[in-house]
Amino acid sequence: MGGANQQERLSTTEAKRWFLAGFIEGEGSVCVSIKEHPAARFGYYVDPEFFIYQHKSGVALLKLAQEVFGSGRITPKPGSEDVLVYSITNRRTLKEKVIPFFEKYMIFSAKREVFQRFREIVEAMEDRKEHLTPEGLARIVEQAYAMNPASKGKERKRPLHEVVERILRGRTPDTPVQG
């Protein structure tokens, strides 16, 4: 290779990140689970997550993700011990590492619209603490339900109106939140 285009070569670190972006495009996902819990303030809590699935023979790819993000866990997928899951569930890590990575390296992603809604939800929770009020939590739940309208057939366990009604139960817009 001539010296003229050596300036165009990526550093190893950058090459790993661009490679990981392509891998995430195919095998990665973001989701926002809505989990019913009796101890939750409004009956539900919201759980944003980034994850990558890979057969255990590809564990090196999951370790690459762990190296690039400097965080996350690799665990067997429940019910499929030959499949591993790399996941990040910590909201601060999602905000500080995953979201900036997506914004820089996933600019051409087909998952861009889903990611934008995911980012809005994480920021609503991490920056503005909207999940701490019933109205804010209801808005976040509505955004989560709208994240992937063309999903591959997987539907939410409960209809949106049922979740929102329970969160807002007994509330009118001007009723102060009881803490």
Protein backbone atom coordinates (compact mmCIF):
# COMPACT_ATOMS: atom_id res chain seq x y z
CA MET A 1 0.00 0.00 0.00
CA GLY A 2 1.38 3.38 -0.96
CA GLY A 3 1.99 6.14 1.51
CA ALA A 4 -0.63 8.36 -0.12
CA ASN A 5 -3.61 6.69 1.51
CA GLN A 6 -2.11 5.73 4.87
CA GLN A 7 -3.85 8.78 6.33
CA GLU A 8 -7.19 7.14 5.51
CA ARG A 9 -6.61 4.03 7.60
CA LEU A 10 -8.64 3.67 10.76
CA SER A 11 -6.97 3.09 14.09
CA THR A 12 -7.56 -0.37 15.52
CA THR A 13 -9.92 1.13 18.09
CA GLU A 14 -11.98 2.90 15.42
CA ALA A 15 -12.00 -0.19 13.21
CA LYS A 16 -13.36 -2.25 16.13
CA ARG A 17 -16.11 0.29 16.73
CA TRP A 18 -17.20 0.39 13.08
CA PHE A 19 -17.11 -3.41 12.93
CA LEU A 20 -19.18 -3.59 16.14
CA ALA A 21 -21.71 -1.13 14.65
CA GLY A 22 -22.25 -3.48 11.70
CA PHE A 23 -22.55 -6.45 14.05
CA ILE A 24 -25.10 -4.59 16.20
CA GLU A 25 -27.08 -3.72 13.07
CA GLY A 26 -27.60 -7.43 12.48
CA GLU A 27 -27.61 -8.95 15.95
CA GLY A 28 -28.25 -6.11 18.39
CA SER A 29 -31.38 -4.51 19.72
CA VAL A 30 -32.73 -1.95 22.11
CA CYS A 31 -35.96 -2.46 23.99
CA VAL A 32 -37.96 -0.92 26.78
CA SER A 33 -39.75 -3.45 28.96
CA ILE A 34 -42.81 -2.44 30.95
CA LYS A 35 -42.91 -4.63 34.04
CA GLU A 36 -45.79 -4.91 36.46
CA HIS A 37 -44.64 -4.94 40.06
CA PRO A 38 -46.73 -4.62 43.23
CA ALA A 39 -44.05 -2.54 44.98
CA ALA A 40 -43.67 -0.11 42.07
CA ARG A 41 -45.01 3.34 42.89
CA PHE A 42 -47.58 3.32 40.05
CA GLY A 43 -47.85 -0.46 39.59
CA TYR A 44 -45.28 -0.68 36.78
CA TYR A 45 -41.67 0.15 36.15
CA VAL A 46 -39.87 0.78 32.89
CA ASP A 47 -36.65 -1.05 32.06
CA PRO A 48 -34.61 0.13 29.02
CA GLU A 49 -32.02 -2.34 27.74
CA PHE A 50 -29.46 -2.78 24.98
CA PHE A 51 -28.54 -6.34 24.08
CA ILE A 52 -26.84 -8.58 21.54
CA TYR A 53 -27.55 -12.30 21.07
CA GLN A 54 -24.87 -14.66 19.80
CA HIS A 55 -24.24 -18.43 19.74
CA LYS A 56 -21.68 -19.34 22.39
CA SER A 57 -19.13 -20.04 19.63
CA GLY A 58 -19.16 -16.27 18.93
CA VAL A 59 -18.47 -15.20 22.51
CA ALA A 60 -15.45 -13.20 21.28
CA LEU A 61 -17.86 -10.82 19.52
CA LEU A 62 -19.75 -10.23 22.76
CA LYS A 63 -16.45 -9.67 24.57
CA LEU A 64 -15.58 -7.10 21.91
CA ALA A 65 -18.81 -5.26 22.73
CA GLN A 66 -17.96 -5.46 26.43
CA GLU A 67 -14.49 -4.03 25.68
CA VAL A 68 -15.81 -1.20 23.50
CA PHE A 69 -18.55 -0.17 25.96
CA GLY A 70 -16.46 -0.88 29.07
CA SER A 71 -19.56 -2.33 30.68
CA GLY A 72 -22.30 -4.92 30.39
CA ARG A 73 -22.83 -8.58 31.21
CA ILE A 74 -22.60 -11.75 29.17
CA THR A 75 -25.03 -14.42 30.34
CA PRO A 76 -26.66 -17.54 28.89
CA LYS A 77 -30.07 -16.89 27.33
CA PRO A 78 -32.73 -18.47 29.55
CA GLY A 79 -34.05 -21.60 27.86
CA SER A 80 -31.28 -21.62 25.22
CA GLU A 81 -28.01 -22.37 26.97
CA ASP A 82 -26.10 -22.38 23.63
CA VAL A 83 -27.04 -18.74 23.07
CA LEU A 84 -25.35 -15.94 24.99
CA VAL A 85 -26.70 -12.47 25.66
CA TYR A 86 -24.58 -9.37 26.12
CA SER A 87 -26.68 -6.73 27.86
CA ILE A 88 -26.49 -3.26 29.33
CA THR A 89 -29.39 -2.23 31.57
CA ASN A 90 -27.81 0.56 33.61
CA ARG A 91 -29.49 3.80 32.48
CA ARG A 92 -26.41 5.94 33.09
CA THR A 93 -24.29 3.59 30.95
CA LEU A 94 -26.98 3.57 28.27
CA LYS A 95 -26.95 7.38 28.26
CA GLU A 96 -23.19 7.89 28.48
CA LYS A 97 -21.90 5.03 26.31
CA VAL A 98 -24.55 3.28 24.21
CA ILE A 99 -26.45 6.34 22.98
CA PRO A 100 -23.32 8.25 21.90
CA PHE A 101 -22.05 5.09 20.16
CA PHE A 102 -25.31 4.75 18.22
CA GLU A 103 -25.27 8.44 17.32
CA LYS A 104 -21.73 8.25 15.93
CA TYR A 105 -21.46 4.76 14.45
CA MET A 106 -25.03 3.76 13.60
CA ILE A 107 -25.95 6.80 11.48
CA PHE A 108 -27.08 4.65 8.54
CA SER A 109 -28.90 2.07 10.67
CA ALA A 110 -32.28 0.73 9.63
CA LYS A 111 -33.01 0.77 13.38
CA ARG A 112 -32.56 4.54 13.60
CA GLU A 113 -36.21 5.39 14.33
CA VAL A 114 -36.46 2.75 17.08
CA PHE A 115 -33.19 4.00 18.53
CA GLN A 116 -34.42 7.63 18.54
CA ARG A 117 -37.44 6.64 20.65
CA PHE A 118 -35.19 4.58 22.91
CA ARG A 119 -32.93 7.62 23.40
CA GLU A 120 -35.93 9.84 24.22
CA ILE A 121 -37.08 7.35 26.87
CA VAL A 122 -33.63 7.00 28.47
CA GLU A 123 -33.22 10.80 28.55
CA ALA A 124 -36.73 11.27 29.99
CA MET A 125 -35.82 8.89 32.79
CA GLU A 126 -32.15 9.68 33.39
CA ASP A 127 -32.11 13.47 32.81
CA ARG A 128 -35.63 14.62 33.62
CA LYS A 129 -36.80 11.84 36.01
CA GLU A 130 -40.20 11.80 34.27
CA HIS A 131 -40.85 8.22 35.39
CA LEU A 132 -41.30 9.51 38.94
CA THR A 133 -44.68 11.09 38.18
CA PRO A 134 -47.72 9.17 36.94
CA GLU A 135 -48.14 11.46 33.92
CA GLY A 136 -44.47 11.17 33.01
CA LEU A 137 -44.48 7.40 33.41
CA ALA A 138 -47.62 7.17 31.27
CA ARG A 139 -45.90 9.22 28.51
CA ILE A 140 -42.82 6.99 28.67
CA VAL A 141 -45.00 3.87 28.45
CA GLU A 142 -46.77 5.32 25.41
CA GLN A 143 -43.38 5.98 23.77
CA ALA A 144 -42.23 2.44 24.57
CA TYR A 145 -45.35 0.95 22.99
CA ALA A 146 -44.73 3.08 19.88
CA MET A 147 -41.05 2.09 19.60
CA ASN A 148 -41.40 -0.78 17.18
CA PRO A 149 -44.83 -0.81 15.53
CA ALA A 150 -43.62 -3.12 12.72
CA SER A 151 -42.16 -5.71 15.09
CA LYS A 152 -41.76 -9.32 14.08
CA GLY A 153 -45.08 -10.36 15.58
CA LYS A 154 -44.13 -10.03 19.24
CA GLU A 155 -46.80 -8.09 21.04
CA ARG A 156 -46.85 -6.65 24.52
CA LYS A 157 -48.44 -8.69 27.27
CA ARG A 158 -50.99 -6.00 28.15
CA PRO A 159 -52.77 -3.46 25.96
CA LEU A 160 -51.48 0.11 26.27
CA HIS A 161 -54.75 1.51 27.62
CA GLU A 162 -54.74 -1.03 30.47
CA VAL A 163 -51.23 -0.06 31.59
CA VAL A 164 -51.84 3.69 31.31
CA GLU A 165 -55.16 3.44 33.17
CA ARG A 166 -53.51 1.63 36.06
CA ILE A 167 -50.67 4.16 36.23
CA LEU A 168 -53.12 7.08 36.23
CA ARG A 169 -55.76 5.35 38.37
CA GLY A 170 -57.72 7.84 40.45
CA ARG A 171 -55.84 10.80 39.02
CA THR A 172 -57.09 13.91 37.37
CA PRO A 173 -54.62 16.24 35.65
CA ASP A 174 -54.58 18.71 38.57
CA THR A 175 -54.37 16.14 41.38
CA PRO A 176 -51.02 16.41 43.19
CA VAL A 177 -48.96 13.21 43.32
CA GLN A 178 -49.06 11.52 46.71
CA GLY A 179 -45.58 10.42 47.74
